[in-house]
Each structure stands twice: as structure tokens, then as C-alpha cells.
């Protein structure tokens, strides 16, 4: 049952990542036309691309956090949220100081680092699932 659960989690996360990748690619392809149609300056396209990638990373992070909540791993969720908050503030301040060309990169980098952290913690928790379920009760 554990193996099936781990497989379902991996498959679900992979499906989310596939859909988010497809969404970002479609946005990259059609964004210039959408911006032109909405009369938005093309100068905002680089920021839009960075934020589209960051939003995709955020969706994946929320999926990982849903698995943590399902497994009742509130400490891991708290650690993830605290890490994201600290990184987002720190890296956003850095990107603001670097200038308009770097806007959005702080958020995107904070999301990427936090997602990698959360995925590593999730893998470790899934590897110890049987032990934590039966031995710690």
C-alpha cells in the first residue's frame, strides 16, 4: 500500500509539473499577442515570463504542501512556509535593489529554492512512511 501511495504522489506531482510546463510554454508563445490585444506595453513581457514561471513553481509547491497536510506533517509545512517567507522577502529586496530588469526574480528564486527543499523533505518522509506510521504510534 505504501508503494502505491508513493507512486500516486509521484504521478500526481509529475502530472502537475507537466501541465504547468505546458501552460508556461503557451503563455510564452501567446503573451506578445495577448499583450498587444490588451494594449499592454511589450516592455512588461520579461517580467510576465518570470512571474509565469514563478506562479507555476508555486502551484507545484502547493501540491507538495497538500501532500504534507494529508500526511499530517504540520511541522514540515511550517518549515516550508517560513523558508518561503524569509527567502521571498530577502531575495525580493535584492531584486528591487538591482533594478527593474530584475523584478520578479526574487520571487521566482524563492519559489524554486523552497520547492526543491519541500520535494527533498517529502521524499525523505515518504521513505520513512511505514516507520512513522506504525512505529511512532
N, C-alpha and C. Protein backbone atom coordinates (compact mmCIF):
# COMPACT_ATOMS: atom_id res chain seq x y z
N UNK A 1 0.82 -1.19 0.00
CA UNK A 1 0.00 0.00 0.00
C UNK A 1 0.87 1.27 0.00
N UNK A 2 1.99 1.17 0.72
CA UNK A 2 2.90 2.32 0.77
C UNK A 2 3.43 2.61 -0.62
N UNK A 3 3.85 1.57 -1.33
CA UNK A 3 4.41 1.76 -2.67
C UNK A 3 3.38 2.38 -3.61
N UNK A 4 2.12 1.94 -3.49
CA UNK A 4 1.07 2.51 -4.33
C UNK A 4 0.83 3.97 -4.00
N UNK A 5 0.89 4.29 -2.71
CA UNK A 5 0.69 5.67 -2.29
C UNK A 5 1.83 6.56 -2.80
N UNK A 6 3.06 6.09 -2.67
CA UNK A 6 4.22 6.85 -3.15
C UNK A 6 4.12 7.02 -4.66
N UNK A 7 3.73 5.96 -5.37
CA UNK A 7 3.57 6.05 -6.82
C UNK A 7 2.50 7.08 -7.18
N UNK A 8 1.38 7.09 -6.45
CA UNK A 8 0.31 8.05 -6.72
C UNK A 8 0.78 9.48 -6.47
N UNK A 9 1.55 9.69 -5.42
CA UNK A 9 2.07 11.03 -5.13
C UNK A 9 3.02 11.46 -6.24
N UNK A 10 3.93 10.60 -6.63
CA UNK A 10 4.89 10.93 -7.69
C UNK A 10 4.16 11.21 -9.01
N UNK A 11 3.21 10.36 -9.35
CA UNK A 11 2.46 10.55 -10.59
C UNK A 11 1.69 11.86 -10.56
N UNK A 12 1.04 12.15 -9.42
CA UNK A 12 0.28 13.39 -9.30
C UNK A 12 1.15 14.62 -9.43
N UNK A 13 2.29 14.61 -8.76
CA UNK A 13 3.21 15.75 -8.85
C UNK A 13 3.77 15.89 -10.27
N UNK A 14 4.09 14.77 -10.90
CA UNK A 14 4.60 14.82 -12.27
C UNK A 14 3.54 15.37 -13.23
N UNK A 15 2.28 14.95 -13.04
CA UNK A 15 1.20 15.47 -13.89
C UNK A 15 1.03 16.97 -13.71
N UNK A 16 1.12 17.44 -12.48
CA UNK A 16 1.01 18.87 -12.22
C UNK A 16 2.16 19.62 -12.89
N UNK A 17 3.36 19.08 -12.77
CA UNK A 17 4.52 19.74 -13.38
C UNK A 17 4.38 19.75 -14.90
N UNK A 18 3.88 18.67 -15.49
CA UNK A 18 3.67 18.64 -16.94
C UNK A 18 2.68 19.71 -17.37
N UNK A 19 1.56 19.81 -16.66
CA UNK A 19 0.54 20.79 -17.03
C UNK A 19 1.05 22.22 -16.85
N UNK A 20 1.80 22.45 -15.79
CA UNK A 20 2.34 23.79 -15.55
C UNK A 20 3.37 24.15 -16.62
N UNK A 21 4.18 23.20 -17.02
CA UNK A 21 5.15 23.45 -18.08
C UNK A 21 4.45 23.79 -19.38
N UNK A 22 3.41 23.05 -19.70
CA UNK A 22 2.64 23.33 -20.91
C UNK A 22 2.00 24.71 -20.84
N UNK A 23 1.45 25.05 -19.68
CA UNK A 23 0.82 26.36 -19.51
C UNK A 23 1.83 27.49 -19.70
N UNK A 24 3.01 27.35 -19.11
CA UNK A 24 4.04 28.39 -19.25
C UNK A 24 4.48 28.51 -20.70
N UNK A 25 4.66 27.38 -21.37
CA UNK A 25 5.06 27.43 -22.78
C UNK A 25 4.01 28.13 -23.64
N UNK A 26 2.74 27.83 -23.38
CA UNK A 26 1.68 28.50 -24.13
C UNK A 26 1.64 30.00 -23.84
N UNK A 27 1.85 30.35 -22.58
CA UNK A 27 1.89 31.78 -22.23
C UNK A 27 3.06 32.49 -22.91
N UNK A 28 4.20 31.84 -22.95
CA UNK A 28 5.37 32.44 -23.61
C UNK A 28 5.10 32.66 -25.09
N UNK A 29 4.45 31.69 -25.71
CA UNK A 29 4.18 31.79 -27.15
C UNK A 29 3.13 32.87 -27.44
N UNK A 30 2.05 32.89 -26.66
CA UNK A 30 0.94 33.78 -26.96
C UNK A 30 0.95 35.11 -26.22
N UNK A 31 1.86 35.29 -25.28
CA UNK A 31 1.89 36.53 -24.49
C UNK A 31 2.05 37.79 -25.35
N UNK A 32 2.94 37.80 -26.34
CA UNK A 32 3.05 39.04 -27.13
C UNK A 32 1.73 39.44 -27.81
N UNK A 33 1.03 38.47 -28.33
CA UNK A 33 -0.25 38.77 -28.98
C UNK A 33 -1.30 39.21 -27.95
N UNK A 34 -1.32 38.57 -26.81
CA UNK A 34 -2.27 38.94 -25.76
C UNK A 34 -1.97 40.35 -25.26
N UNK A 35 -0.69 40.64 -25.04
CA UNK A 35 -0.32 41.98 -24.57
C UNK A 35 -0.71 43.03 -25.61
N UNK A 36 -0.48 42.74 -26.88
CA UNK A 36 -0.83 43.69 -27.93
C UNK A 36 -2.35 43.91 -27.98
N UNK A 37 -3.09 42.82 -27.85
CA UNK A 37 -4.55 42.90 -27.89
C UNK A 37 -5.10 43.72 -26.71
N UNK A 38 -4.44 43.58 -25.55
CA UNK A 38 -4.87 44.30 -24.34
C UNK A 38 -4.22 45.67 -24.22
N UNK A 39 -3.43 46.04 -25.22
CA UNK A 39 -2.74 47.32 -25.26
C UNK A 39 -1.82 47.51 -24.05
N UNK A 40 -1.08 46.45 -23.73
CA UNK A 40 -0.08 46.49 -22.66
C UNK A 40 1.29 46.55 -23.33
N UNK A 41 2.15 47.39 -22.82
CA UNK A 41 3.47 47.56 -23.41
C UNK A 41 4.26 46.25 -23.39
N UNK A 42 4.96 46.00 -24.47
CA UNK A 42 5.80 44.80 -24.57
C UNK A 42 6.98 44.86 -23.61
N UNK A 43 7.24 46.00 -23.02
CA UNK A 43 8.31 46.11 -22.03
C UNK A 43 8.03 45.26 -20.79
N UNK A 44 6.77 44.94 -20.56
CA UNK A 44 6.40 44.12 -19.41
C UNK A 44 6.52 42.61 -19.67
N UNK A 45 6.82 42.22 -20.88
CA UNK A 45 6.90 40.79 -21.21
C UNK A 45 7.95 40.04 -20.38
N UNK A 46 9.17 40.54 -20.22
CA UNK A 46 10.14 39.79 -19.41
C UNK A 46 9.66 39.54 -17.97
N UNK A 47 9.06 40.56 -17.37
CA UNK A 47 8.51 40.39 -16.02
C UNK A 47 7.38 39.37 -16.02
N UNK A 48 6.55 39.40 -17.05
CA UNK A 48 5.46 38.43 -17.16
C UNK A 48 6.00 37.00 -17.26
N UNK A 49 7.04 36.81 -18.05
CA UNK A 49 7.62 35.48 -18.21
C UNK A 49 8.17 34.95 -16.88
N UNK A 50 8.90 35.80 -16.18
CA UNK A 50 9.48 35.39 -14.89
C UNK A 50 8.37 35.06 -13.90
N UNK A 51 7.35 35.90 -13.86
CA UNK A 51 6.27 35.64 -12.91
C UNK A 51 5.41 34.44 -13.31
N UNK A 52 5.30 34.16 -14.59
CA UNK A 52 4.57 32.97 -15.03
C UNK A 52 5.29 31.70 -14.57
N UNK A 53 6.60 31.69 -14.69
CA UNK A 53 7.39 30.55 -14.21
C UNK A 53 7.27 30.44 -12.69
N UNK A 54 7.36 31.57 -12.00
CA UNK A 54 7.25 31.57 -10.54
C UNK A 54 5.88 31.07 -10.09
N UNK A 55 4.84 31.47 -10.78
CA UNK A 55 3.49 31.01 -10.43
C UNK A 55 3.35 29.51 -10.65
N UNK A 56 3.99 29.00 -11.68
CA UNK A 56 3.98 27.55 -11.91
C UNK A 56 4.70 26.81 -10.80
N UNK A 57 5.82 27.36 -10.36
CA UNK A 57 6.53 26.76 -9.24
C UNK A 57 5.68 26.80 -7.97
N UNK A 58 4.92 27.87 -7.82
CA UNK A 58 4.06 28.00 -6.65
C UNK A 58 2.96 26.94 -6.66
N UNK A 59 2.40 26.65 -7.81
CA UNK A 59 1.38 25.60 -7.91
C UNK A 59 1.97 24.25 -7.51
N UNK A 60 3.18 23.97 -7.97
CA UNK A 60 3.84 22.71 -7.59
C UNK A 60 4.12 22.68 -6.09
N UNK A 61 4.54 23.81 -5.53
CA UNK A 61 4.78 23.87 -4.09
C UNK A 61 3.50 23.64 -3.31
N UNK A 62 2.40 24.21 -3.76
CA UNK A 62 1.12 23.99 -3.08
C UNK A 62 0.70 22.52 -3.15
N UNK A 63 1.01 21.86 -4.25
CA UNK A 63 0.70 20.43 -4.35
C UNK A 63 1.50 19.63 -3.34
N UNK A 64 2.78 19.96 -3.19
CA UNK A 64 3.61 19.27 -2.19
C UNK A 64 3.09 19.54 -0.80
N UNK A 65 2.69 20.77 -0.54
CA UNK A 65 2.16 21.10 0.79
C UNK A 65 0.84 20.37 1.06
N UNK A 66 0.04 20.15 0.02
CA UNK A 66 -1.18 19.36 0.19
C UNK A 66 -0.86 17.94 0.63
N UNK A 67 0.20 17.37 0.08
CA UNK A 67 0.60 16.02 0.49
C UNK A 67 1.07 16.05 1.95
N UNK A 68 1.81 17.08 2.33
CA UNK A 68 2.22 17.21 3.73
C UNK A 68 1.00 17.28 4.65
N UNK A 69 0.01 18.06 4.27
CA UNK A 69 -1.19 18.14 5.09
C UNK A 69 -1.91 16.79 5.16
N UNK A 70 -1.96 16.08 4.03
CA UNK A 70 -2.58 14.76 4.02
C UNK A 70 -1.87 13.81 4.99
N UNK A 71 -0.55 13.91 5.03
CA UNK A 71 0.24 13.05 5.92
C UNK A 71 0.31 13.61 7.34
N UNK A 72 -0.35 14.72 7.59
CA UNK A 72 -0.36 15.39 8.90
C UNK A 72 1.05 15.79 9.32
N UNK A 73 1.79 16.37 8.40
CA UNK A 73 3.16 16.85 8.64
C UNK A 73 3.14 18.37 8.74
N UNK A 74 2.54 18.85 9.83
CA UNK A 74 2.39 20.29 10.01
C UNK A 74 3.72 21.00 10.24
N UNK A 75 4.65 20.34 10.89
CA UNK A 75 5.96 20.98 11.10
C UNK A 75 6.68 21.21 9.78
N UNK A 76 6.56 20.25 8.88
CA UNK A 76 7.18 20.40 7.57
C UNK A 76 6.53 21.54 6.79
N UNK A 77 5.21 21.67 6.92
CA UNK A 77 4.51 22.78 6.27
C UNK A 77 4.98 24.10 6.85
N UNK A 78 5.08 24.15 8.17
CA UNK A 78 5.55 25.38 8.82
C UNK A 78 6.97 25.73 8.36
N UNK A 79 7.85 24.74 8.32
CA UNK A 79 9.22 24.99 7.88
C UNK A 79 9.24 25.49 6.44
N UNK A 80 8.40 24.92 5.59
CA UNK A 80 8.33 25.33 4.19
C UNK A 80 7.83 26.76 4.07
N UNK A 81 6.80 27.09 4.82
CA UNK A 81 6.22 28.44 4.74
C UNK A 81 7.20 29.48 5.30
N UNK A 82 7.87 29.15 6.39
CA UNK A 82 8.85 30.08 6.95
C UNK A 82 10.00 30.28 5.97
N UNK A 83 10.50 29.20 5.39
CA UNK A 83 11.58 29.32 4.41
C UNK A 83 11.15 30.18 3.24
N UNK A 84 9.96 29.94 2.72
CA UNK A 84 9.46 30.73 1.60
C UNK A 84 9.33 32.20 1.98
N UNK A 85 8.82 32.47 3.15
CA UNK A 85 8.63 33.87 3.57
C UNK A 85 9.97 34.60 3.69
N UNK A 86 10.92 33.96 4.35
CA UNK A 86 12.23 34.59 4.53
C UNK A 86 12.92 34.79 3.19
N UNK A 87 12.93 33.75 2.37
CA UNK A 87 13.58 33.87 1.06
C UNK A 87 12.90 34.89 0.17
N UNK A 88 11.57 34.91 0.19
CA UNK A 88 10.85 35.85 -0.66
C UNK A 88 11.16 37.28 -0.28
N UNK A 89 11.16 37.57 1.02
CA UNK A 89 11.47 38.94 1.44
C UNK A 89 12.92 39.28 1.09
N UNK A 90 13.85 38.42 1.45
CA UNK A 90 15.27 38.71 1.23
C UNK A 90 15.60 38.83 -0.26
N UNK A 91 15.16 37.87 -1.04
CA UNK A 91 15.50 37.89 -2.47
C UNK A 91 14.74 38.98 -3.23
N UNK A 92 13.55 39.30 -2.79
CA UNK A 92 12.81 40.39 -3.43
C UNK A 92 13.47 41.74 -3.15
N UNK A 93 13.96 41.91 -1.94
CA UNK A 93 14.69 43.15 -1.63
C UNK A 93 15.94 43.25 -2.51
N UNK A 94 16.64 42.15 -2.67
CA UNK A 94 17.83 42.16 -3.53
C UNK A 94 17.44 42.51 -4.96
N UNK A 95 16.37 41.88 -5.47
CA UNK A 95 15.98 42.15 -6.87
C UNK A 95 15.49 43.59 -7.03
N UNK A 96 14.86 44.14 -6.03
CA UNK A 96 14.44 45.55 -6.11
C UNK A 96 15.63 46.48 -6.15
N UNK A 97 16.65 46.16 -5.36
CA UNK A 97 17.85 46.99 -5.34
C UNK A 97 18.65 46.89 -6.64
N UNK A 98 18.55 45.74 -7.31
CA UNK A 98 19.28 45.57 -8.56
C UNK A 98 18.64 46.34 -9.72
N UNK A 99 17.39 46.67 -9.58
CA UNK A 99 16.73 47.46 -10.62
C UNK A 99 15.60 46.73 -11.31
N UNK A 100 14.90 47.48 -12.15
CA UNK A 100 13.69 46.97 -12.79
C UNK A 100 13.91 45.74 -13.66
N UNK A 101 15.09 45.59 -14.19
CA UNK A 101 15.39 44.42 -15.03
C UNK A 101 15.27 43.12 -14.23
N UNK A 102 15.49 43.20 -12.93
CA UNK A 102 15.49 42.00 -12.09
C UNK A 102 14.21 41.82 -11.28
N UNK A 103 13.20 42.65 -11.51
CA UNK A 103 11.94 42.50 -10.78
C UNK A 103 11.35 41.12 -11.07
N UNK A 104 10.87 40.48 -10.03
CA UNK A 104 10.24 39.18 -10.17
C UNK A 104 11.19 38.01 -9.93
N UNK A 105 12.47 38.25 -10.10
CA UNK A 105 13.43 37.17 -9.94
C UNK A 105 13.56 36.72 -8.48
N UNK A 106 13.39 37.63 -7.54
CA UNK A 106 13.46 37.26 -6.13
C UNK A 106 12.36 36.28 -5.78
N UNK A 107 11.15 36.57 -6.24
CA UNK A 107 10.01 35.68 -6.01
C UNK A 107 10.23 34.33 -6.68
N UNK A 108 10.68 34.35 -7.92
CA UNK A 108 10.89 33.11 -8.66
C UNK A 108 11.97 32.25 -8.01
N UNK A 109 13.07 32.87 -7.62
CA UNK A 109 14.15 32.12 -6.98
C UNK A 109 13.72 31.59 -5.62
N UNK A 110 12.96 32.38 -4.87
CA UNK A 110 12.45 31.91 -3.58
C UNK A 110 11.54 30.70 -3.78
N UNK A 111 10.71 30.74 -4.79
CA UNK A 111 9.82 29.61 -5.09
C UNK A 111 10.62 28.37 -5.48
N UNK A 112 11.62 28.56 -6.32
CA UNK A 112 12.43 27.42 -6.77
C UNK A 112 13.16 26.76 -5.60
N UNK A 113 13.82 27.56 -4.78
CA UNK A 113 14.57 27.02 -3.65
C UNK A 113 13.63 26.31 -2.67
N UNK A 114 12.49 26.93 -2.40
CA UNK A 114 11.53 26.33 -1.46
C UNK A 114 10.93 25.06 -2.03
N UNK A 115 10.65 25.03 -3.32
CA UNK A 115 10.10 23.81 -3.93
C UNK A 115 11.11 22.67 -3.86
N UNK A 116 12.37 22.94 -4.15
CA UNK A 116 13.40 21.90 -4.06
C UNK A 116 13.51 21.39 -2.62
N UNK A 117 13.51 22.31 -1.67
CA UNK A 117 13.54 21.93 -0.25
C UNK A 117 12.35 21.04 0.10
N UNK A 118 11.15 21.47 -0.29
CA UNK A 118 9.93 20.71 0.05
C UNK A 118 9.93 19.34 -0.62
N UNK A 119 10.40 19.25 -1.85
CA UNK A 119 10.45 17.95 -2.52
C UNK A 119 11.43 17.00 -1.84
N UNK A 120 12.56 17.53 -1.40
CA UNK A 120 13.53 16.68 -0.68
C UNK A 120 12.96 16.20 0.64
N UNK A 121 12.29 17.09 1.37
CA UNK A 121 11.67 16.68 2.64
C UNK A 121 10.57 15.65 2.37
N UNK A 122 9.79 15.85 1.34
CA UNK A 122 8.73 14.90 1.01
C UNK A 122 9.30 13.53 0.67
N UNK A 123 10.35 13.49 -0.11
CA UNK A 123 10.97 12.20 -0.44
C UNK A 123 11.46 11.49 0.81
N UNK A 124 12.05 12.23 1.72
CA UNK A 124 12.53 11.64 2.96
C UNK A 124 11.35 11.13 3.80
N UNK A 125 10.27 11.88 3.85
CA UNK A 125 9.10 11.46 4.62
C UNK A 125 8.42 10.25 3.99
N UNK A 126 8.37 10.21 2.69
CA UNK A 126 7.76 9.06 2.02
C UNK A 126 8.62 7.81 2.21
N UNK A 127 9.93 7.97 2.28
CA UNK A 127 10.82 6.84 2.53
C UNK A 127 10.66 6.28 3.93
N UNK A 128 10.27 7.12 4.87
CA UNK A 128 10.10 6.69 6.26
C UNK A 128 8.63 6.51 6.63
N UNK A 129 7.77 6.43 5.64
CA UNK A 129 6.33 6.42 5.90
C UNK A 129 5.89 5.25 6.77
N UNK A 130 6.35 4.06 6.45
CA UNK A 130 5.95 2.90 7.25
C UNK A 130 6.43 3.02 8.69
N UNK A 131 7.67 3.43 8.86
CA UNK A 131 8.23 3.58 10.19
C UNK A 131 7.44 4.61 11.00
N UNK A 132 7.19 5.77 10.43
CA UNK A 132 6.50 6.81 11.15
C UNK A 132 5.03 6.45 11.39
N UNK A 133 4.45 5.67 10.50
CA UNK A 133 3.04 5.30 10.67
C UNK A 133 2.86 4.26 11.76
N UNK A 134 3.72 3.24 11.77
CA UNK A 134 3.49 2.13 12.68
C UNK A 134 4.36 2.15 13.93
N UNK A 135 5.56 2.63 13.83
CA UNK A 135 6.47 2.55 14.98
C UNK A 135 6.31 3.72 15.93
N UNK A 136 5.83 4.84 15.45
CA UNK A 136 5.73 6.02 16.31
C UNK A 136 4.32 6.24 16.88
N UNK A 137 3.45 5.27 16.67
CA UNK A 137 2.07 5.40 17.18
C UNK A 137 1.99 4.92 18.61
